């Protein structure tokens, strides 16, 4: 994720420090982090859903084979 943020130019430059000496978190950076996290969570949900559906399909095929 950091590589993505760096490539998009969203990470603060090394000399861009706030009043307390810490790097600034700009709104675009925070929004992009939220977007990347959401995308990753959505992909994990899709993967888990595919796995569940595949297990269900196999179970239904096995049960229909027993009934026949």
PDB file of N, CA and C in Angstrom:
ATOM      1  N   UNK A   1       0.829  -1.184   0.000  1.00  0.00           N
ATOM      2  CA  UNK A   1       0.000   0.000   0.000  1.00  0.00           C
ATOM      3  C   UNK A   1       0.880   1.257   0.000  1.00  0.00           C
ATOM      4  N   UNK A   2       1.995   1.228   0.748  1.00  0.00           N
ATOM      5  CA  UNK A   2       2.864   2.406   0.766  1.00  0.00           C
ATOM      6  C   UNK A   2       3.446   2.691  -0.605  1.00  0.00           C
ATOM      7  N   UNK A   3       3.792   1.637  -1.340  1.00  0.00           N
ATOM      8  CA  UNK A   3       4.316   1.849  -2.689  1.00  0.00           C
ATOM      9  C   UNK A   3       3.285   2.553  -3.562  1.00  0.00           C
ATOM     10  N   UNK A   4       2.026   2.165  -3.430  1.00  0.00           N
ATOM     11  CA  UNK A   4       0.956   2.806  -4.193  1.00  0.00           C
ATOM     12  C   UNK A   4       0.855   4.279  -3.825  1.00  0.00           C
ATOM     13  N   UNK A   5       0.901   4.562  -2.537  1.00  0.00           N
ATOM     14  CA  UNK A   5       0.799   5.953  -2.088  1.00  0.00           C
ATOM     15  C   UNK A   5       1.994   6.769  -2.561  1.00  0.00           C
ATOM     16  N   UNK A   6       3.181   6.169  -2.517  1.00  0.00           N
ATOM     17  CA  UNK A   6       4.375   6.880  -3.002  1.00  0.00           C
ATOM     18  C   UNK A   6       4.255   7.162  -4.492  1.00  0.00           C
ATOM     19  N   UNK A   7       3.846   6.142  -5.251  1.00  0.00           N
ATOM     20  CA  UNK A   7       3.762   6.312  -6.707  1.00  0.00           C
ATOM     21  C   UNK A   7       2.727   7.368  -7.092  1.00  0.00           C
ATOM     22  N   UNK A   8       1.708   7.545  -6.260  1.00  0.00           N
ATOM     23  CA  UNK A   8       0.686   8.548  -6.536  1.00  0.00           C
ATOM     24  C   UNK A   8       1.065   9.919  -5.976  1.00  0.00           C
ATOM     25  N   UNK A   9       2.237   9.997  -5.345  1.00  0.00           N
ATOM     26  CA  UNK A   9       2.707  11.270  -4.805  1.00  0.00           C
ATOM     27  C   UNK A   9       1.921  11.762  -3.606  1.00  0.00           C
ATOM     28  N   UNK A  10       1.298  10.863  -2.874  1.00  0.00           N
ATOM     29  CA  UNK A  10       0.465  11.284  -1.748  1.00  0.00           C
ATOM     30  C   UNK A  10       1.198  11.298  -0.411  1.00  0.00           C
ATOM     31  N   UNK A  11       2.330  10.593  -0.320  1.00  0.00           N
ATOM     32  CA  UNK A  11       3.057  10.617   0.946  1.00  0.00           C
ATOM     33  C   UNK A  11       3.759  11.959   1.099  1.00  0.00           C
ATOM     34  N   UNK A  12       3.791  12.482   2.314  1.00  0.00           N
ATOM     35  CA  UNK A  12       4.450  13.767   2.523  1.00  0.00           C
ATOM     36  C   UNK A  12       5.936  13.681   2.181  1.00  0.00           C
ATOM     37  N   UNK A  13       6.484  14.763   1.681  1.00  0.00           N
ATOM     38  CA  UNK A  13       7.918  14.828   1.412  1.00  0.00           C
ATOM     39  C   UNK A  13       8.664  14.813   2.741  1.00  0.00           C
ATOM     40  N   UNK A  14       9.930  14.352   2.739  1.00  0.00           N
ATOM     41  CA  UNK A  14      10.682  14.281   4.002  1.00  0.00           C
ATOM     42  C   UNK A  14      10.781  15.612   4.739  1.00  0.00           C
ATOM     43  N   UNK A  15      10.778  16.727   4.015  1.00  0.00           N
ATOM     44  CA  UNK A  15      10.900  18.026   4.683  1.00  0.00           C
ATOM     45  C   UNK A  15       9.547  18.664   4.997  1.00  0.00           C
ATOM     46  N   UNK A  16       8.460  17.968   4.731  1.00  0.00           N
ATOM     47  CA  UNK A  16       7.119  18.494   4.985  1.00  0.00           C
ATOM     48  C   UNK A  16       6.689  18.057   6.379  1.00  0.00           C
ATOM     49  N   UNK A  17       7.030  18.865   7.375  1.00  0.00           N
ATOM     50  CA  UNK A  17       6.707  18.494   8.747  1.00  0.00           C
ATOM     51  C   UNK A  17       5.735  19.495   9.339  1.00  0.00           C
ATOM     52  N   UNK A  18       4.945  19.003  10.239  1.00  0.00           N
ATOM     53  CA  UNK A  18       3.985  19.863  10.913  1.00  0.00           C
ATOM     54  C   UNK A  18       4.624  20.594  12.084  1.00  0.00           C
ATOM     55  N   UNK A  19       3.789  21.299  12.857  1.00  0.00           N
ATOM     56  CA  UNK A  19       4.301  22.111  13.957  1.00  0.00           C
ATOM     57  C   UNK A  19       4.934  21.265  15.058  1.00  0.00           C
ATOM     58  N   UNK A  20       4.520  20.000  15.179  1.00  0.00           N
ATOM     59  CA  UNK A  20       5.061  19.144  16.228  1.00  0.00           C
ATOM     60  C   UNK A  20       6.207  18.267  15.723  1.00  0.00           C
ATOM     61  N   UNK A  21       6.693  18.539  14.513  1.00  0.00           N
ATOM     62  CA  UNK A  21       7.818  17.795  13.973  1.00  0.00           C
ATOM     63  C   UNK A  21       7.444  16.495  13.294  1.00  0.00           C
ATOM     64  N   UNK A  22       6.156  16.176  13.254  1.00  0.00           N
ATOM     65  CA  UNK A  22       5.711  14.940  12.610  1.00  0.00           C
ATOM     66  C   UNK A  22       5.291  15.228  11.177  1.00  0.00           C
ATOM     67  N   UNK A  23       5.336  14.211  10.375  1.00  0.00           N
ATOM     68  CA  UNK A  23       4.920  14.351   8.975  1.00  0.00           C
ATOM     69  C   UNK A  23       3.430  14.706   8.927  1.00  0.00           C
ATOM     70  N   UNK A  24       3.078  15.512   7.967  1.00  0.00           N
ATOM     71  CA  UNK A  24       1.673  15.919   7.818  1.00  0.00           C
ATOM     72  C   UNK A  24       0.875  14.837   7.112  1.00  0.00           C
ATOM     73  N   UNK A  25      -0.310  14.629   7.579  1.00  0.00           N
ATOM     74  CA  UNK A  25      -1.254  13.725   6.917  1.00  0.00           C
ATOM     75  C   UNK A  25      -2.261  14.607   6.206  1.00  0.00           C
ATOM     76  N   UNK A  26      -2.126  14.682   4.909  1.00  0.00           N
ATOM     77  CA  UNK A  26      -3.032  15.522   4.139  1.00  0.00           C
ATOM     78  C   UNK A  26      -4.344  14.788   3.914  1.00  0.00           C
ATOM     79  N   UNK A  27      -5.391  15.542   3.681  1.00  0.00           N
ATOM     80  CA  UNK A  27      -6.693  14.937   3.429  1.00  0.00           C
ATOM     81  C   UNK A  27      -6.658  13.979   2.238  1.00  0.00           C
ATOM     82  N   UNK A  28      -6.016  14.335   1.104  1.00  0.00           N
ATOM     83  CA  UNK A  28      -5.960  13.376   0.002  1.00  0.00           C
ATOM     84  C   UNK A  28      -5.266  12.074   0.396  1.00  0.00           C
ATOM     85  N   UNK A  29      -4.242  12.159   1.241  1.00  0.00           N
ATOM     86  CA  UNK A  29      -3.551  10.953   1.696  1.00  0.00           C
ATOM     87  C   UNK A  29      -4.487  10.089   2.533  1.00  0.00           C
ATOM     88  N   UNK A  30      -5.175  10.709   3.472  1.00  0.00           N
ATOM     89  CA  UNK A  30      -6.097   9.968   4.331  1.00  0.00           C
ATOM     90  C   UNK A  30      -7.223   9.354   3.502  1.00  0.00           C
ATOM     91  N   UNK A  31      -7.761  10.105   2.554  1.00  0.00           N
ATOM     92  CA  UNK A  31      -8.831   9.581   1.701  1.00  0.00           C
ATOM     93  C   UNK A  31      -8.344   8.397   0.868  1.00  0.00           C
ATOM     94  N   UNK A  32      -7.120   8.492   0.353  1.00  0.00           N
ATOM     95  CA  UNK A  32      -6.584   7.403  -0.480  1.00  0.00           C
ATOM     96  C   UNK A  32      -6.309   6.162   0.360  1.00  0.00           C
ATOM     97  N   UNK A  33      -5.807   6.344   1.581  1.00  0.00           N
ATOM     98  CA  UNK A  33      -5.603   5.197   2.469  1.00  0.00           C
ATOM     99  C   UNK A  33      -6.939   4.517   2.730  1.00  0.00           C
ATOM    100  N   UNK A  34      -7.964   5.298   3.013  1.00  0.00           N
ATOM    101  CA  UNK A  34      -9.291   4.728   3.251  1.00  0.00           C
ATOM    102  C   UNK A  34      -9.783   3.977   2.023  1.00  0.00           C
ATOM    103  N   UNK A  35      -9.550   4.536   0.840  1.00  0.00           N
ATOM    104  CA  UNK A  35      -9.977   3.878  -0.391  1.00  0.00           C
ATOM    105  C   UNK A  35      -9.237   2.558  -0.585  1.00  0.00           C
ATOM    106  N   UNK A  36      -7.916   2.551  -0.361  1.00  0.00           N
ATOM    107  CA  UNK A  36      -7.140   1.324  -0.532  1.00  0.00           C
ATOM    108  C   UNK A  36      -7.558   0.250   0.463  1.00  0.00           C
ATOM    109  N   UNK A  37      -7.810   0.666   1.704  1.00  0.00           N
ATOM    110  CA  UNK A  37      -8.260  -0.292   2.717  1.00  0.00           C
ATOM    111  C   UNK A  37      -9.610  -0.861   2.324  1.00  0.00           C
ATOM    112  N   UNK A  38     -10.514  -0.002   1.868  1.00  0.00           N
ATOM    113  CA  UNK A  38     -11.838  -0.458   1.438  1.00  0.00           C
ATOM    114  C   UNK A  38     -11.724  -1.423   0.270  1.00  0.00           C
ATOM    115  N   UNK A  39     -10.878  -1.087  -0.711  1.00  0.00           N
ATOM    116  CA  UNK A  39     -10.699  -1.977  -1.864  1.00  0.00           C
ATOM    117  C   UNK A  39     -10.161  -3.332  -1.433  1.00  0.00           C
ATOM    118  N   UNK A  40      -9.204  -3.324  -0.517  1.00  0.00           N
ATOM    119  CA  UNK A  40      -8.624  -4.579  -0.037  1.00  0.00           C
ATOM    120  C   UNK A  40      -9.678  -5.402   0.704  1.00  0.00           C
ATOM    121  N   UNK A  41     -10.471  -4.747   1.555  1.00  0.00           N
ATOM    122  CA  UNK A  41     -11.527  -5.446   2.287  1.00  0.00           C
ATOM    123  C   UNK A  41     -12.566  -6.008   1.327  1.00  0.00           C
ATOM    124  N   UNK A  42     -12.927  -5.233   0.305  1.00  0.00           N
ATOM    125  CA  UNK A  42     -13.904  -5.710  -0.675  1.00  0.00           C
ATOM    126  C   UNK A  42     -13.369  -6.920  -1.423  1.00  0.00           C
ATOM    127  N   UNK A  43     -12.090  -6.899  -1.788  1.00  0.00           N
ATOM    128  CA  UNK A  43     -11.492  -8.032  -2.497  1.00  0.00           C
ATOM    129  C   UNK A  43     -11.464  -9.264  -1.599  1.00  0.00           C
ATOM    130  N   UNK A  44     -11.152  -9.080  -0.322  1.00  0.00           N
ATOM    131  CA  UNK A  44     -11.168 -10.204   0.613  1.00  0.00           C
ATOM    132  C   UNK A  44     -12.577 -10.776   0.729  1.00  0.00           C
ATOM    133  N   UNK A  45     -13.588  -9.924   0.790  1.00  0.00           N
ATOM    134  CA  UNK A  45     -14.977 -10.382   0.868  1.00  0.00           C
ATOM    135  C   UNK A  45     -15.367 -11.148  -0.392  1.00  0.00           C
ATOM    136  N   UNK A  46     -14.963 -10.635  -1.561  1.00  0.00           N
ATOM    137  CA  UNK A  46     -15.268 -11.341  -2.813  1.00  0.00           C
ATOM    138  C   UNK A  46     -14.593 -12.709  -2.844  1.00  0.00           C
ATOM    139  N   UNK A  47     -13.336 -12.769  -2.404  1.00  0.00           N
ATOM    140  CA  UNK A  47     -12.608 -14.036  -2.385  1.00  0.00           C
ATOM    141  C   UNK A  47     -13.285 -15.025  -1.437  1.00  0.00           C
ATOM    142  N   UNK A  48     -13.636 -14.566  -0.238  1.00  0.00           N
ATOM    143  CA  UNK A  48     -14.311 -15.437   0.722  1.00  0.00           C
ATOM    144  C   UNK A  48     -15.656 -15.901   0.182  1.00  0.00           C
ATOM    145  N   UNK A  49     -16.385 -15.015  -0.481  1.00  0.00           N
ATOM    146  CA  UNK A  49     -17.679 -15.381  -1.059  1.00  0.00           C
ATOM    147  C   UNK A  49     -17.508 -16.441  -2.132  1.00  0.00           C
ATOM    148  N   UNK A  50     -16.495 -16.272  -2.993  1.00  0.00           N
ATOM    149  CA  UNK A  50     -16.230 -17.283  -4.028  1.00  0.00           C
ATOM    150  C   UNK A  50     -15.906 -18.632  -3.401  1.00  0.00           C
ATOM    151  N   UNK A  51     -15.099 -18.626  -2.339  1.00  0.00           N
ATOM    152  CA  UNK A  51     -14.742 -19.876  -1.670  1.00  0.00           C
ATOM    153  C   UNK A  51     -15.974 -20.543  -1.061  1.00  0.00           C
ATOM    154  N   UNK A  52     -16.815 -19.757  -0.422  1.00  0.00           N
ATOM    155  CA  UNK A  52     -18.036 -20.300   0.187  1.00  0.00           C
ATOM    156  C   UNK A  52     -18.952 -20.873  -0.887  1.00  0.00           C
ATOM    157  N   UNK A  53     -19.136 -20.140  -1.973  1.00  0.00           N
ATOM    158  CA  UNK A  53     -20.002 -20.626  -3.051  1.00  0.00           C
ATOM    159  C   UNK A  53     -19.448 -21.902  -3.679  1.00  0.00           C
ATOM    160  N   UNK A  54     -18.131 -21.985  -3.810  1.00  0.00           N
ATOM    161  CA  UNK A  54     -17.520 -23.189  -4.374  1.00  0.00           C
ATOM    162  C   UNK A  54     -17.728 -24.385  -3.445  1.00  0.00           C
ATOM    163  N   UNK A  55     -17.549 -24.180  -2.150  1.00  0.00           N
ATOM    164  CA  UNK A  55     -17.801 -25.278  -1.197  1.00  0.00           C
ATOM    165  C   UNK A  55     -19.264 -25.699  -1.235  1.00  0.00           C
ATOM    166  N   UNK A  56     -20.176 -24.737  -1.309  1.00  0.00           N
ATOM    167  CA  UNK A  56     -21.604 -25.034  -1.377  1.00  0.00           C
ATOM    168  C   UNK A  56     -21.935 -25.805  -2.648  1.00  0.00           C
ATOM    169  N   UNK A  57     -21.350 -25.387  -3.772  1.00  0.00           N
ATOM    170  CA  UNK A  57     -21.584 -26.081  -5.040  1.00  0.00           C
ATOM    171  C   UNK A  57     -21.118 -27.534  -4.955  1.00  0.00           C
ATOM    172  N   UNK A  58     -19.927 -27.741  -4.392  1.00  0.00           N
ATOM    173  CA  UNK A  58     -19.414 -29.111  -4.263  1.00  0.00           C
ATOM    174  C   UNK A  58     -20.294 -29.949  -3.347  1.00  0.00           C
ATOM    175  N   UNK A  59     -20.764 -29.345  -2.262  1.00  0.00           N
ATOM    176  CA  UNK A  59     -21.624 -30.075  -1.327  1.00  0.00           C
ATOM    177  C   UNK A  59     -22.938 -30.457  -2.004  1.00  0.00           C
ATOM    178  N   UNK A  60     -23.518 -29.511  -2.767  1.00  0.00           N
ATOM    179  CA  UNK A  60     -24.780 -29.801  -3.452  1.00  0.00           C
ATOM    180  C   UNK A  60     -24.585 -30.890  -4.503  1.00  0.00           C
ATOM    181  N   UNK A  61     -23.459 -30.855  -5.215  1.00  0.00           N
ATOM    182  CA  UNK A  61     -23.179 -31.897  -6.201  1.00  0.00           C
ATOM    183  C   UNK A  61     -23.026 -33.251  -5.524  1.00  0.00           C
ATOM    184  N   UNK A  62     -22.350 -33.273  -4.381  1.00  0.00           N
ATOM    185  CA  UNK A  62     -22.158 -34.528  -3.655  1.00  0.00           C
ATOM    186  C   UNK A  62     -23.493 -35.070  -3.159  1.00  0.00           C
ATOM    187  N   UNK A  63     -24.344 -34.194  -2.648  1.00  0.00           N
ATOM    188  CA  UNK A  63     -25.642 -34.637  -2.148  1.00  0.00           C
ATOM    189  C   UNK A  63     -26.550 -35.089  -3.277  1.00  0.00           C
ATOM    190  N   UNK A  64     -26.492 -34.426  -4.419  1.00  0.00           N
ATOM    191  CA  UNK A  64     -27.336 -34.857  -5.537  1.00  0.00           C
ATOM    192  C   UNK A  64     -26.833 -36.187  -6.087  1.00  0.00           C
ATOM    193  N   UNK A  65     -25.548 -36.450  -5.988  1.00  0.00           N
ATOM    194  CA  UNK A  65     -25.002 -37.738  -6.410  1.00  0.00           C
ATOM    195  C   UNK A  65     -25.449 -38.853  -5.490  1.00  0.00           C
ATOM    196  N   UNK A  66     -25.585 -38.573  -4.204  1.00  0.00           N
ATOM    197  CA  UNK A  66     -26.050 -39.571  -3.236  1.00  0.00           C
ATOM    198  C   UNK A  66     -27.526 -39.881  -3.453  1.00  0.00           C
ATOM    199  N   UNK A  67     -28.302 -38.850  -3.795  1.00  0.00           N
ATOM    200  CA  UNK A  67     -29.746 -39.029  -3.967  1.00  0.00           C
ATOM    201  C   UNK A  67     -30.051 -39.797  -5.243  1.00  0.00           C
ATOM    202  N   UNK A  68     -29.172 -39.697  -6.238  1.00  0.00           N
ATOM    203  CA  UNK A  68     -29.443 -40.308  -7.537  1.00  0.00           C
ATOM    204  C   UNK A  68     -29.003 -41.693  -7.625  1.00  0.00           C
TER     205      UNK A  68
END
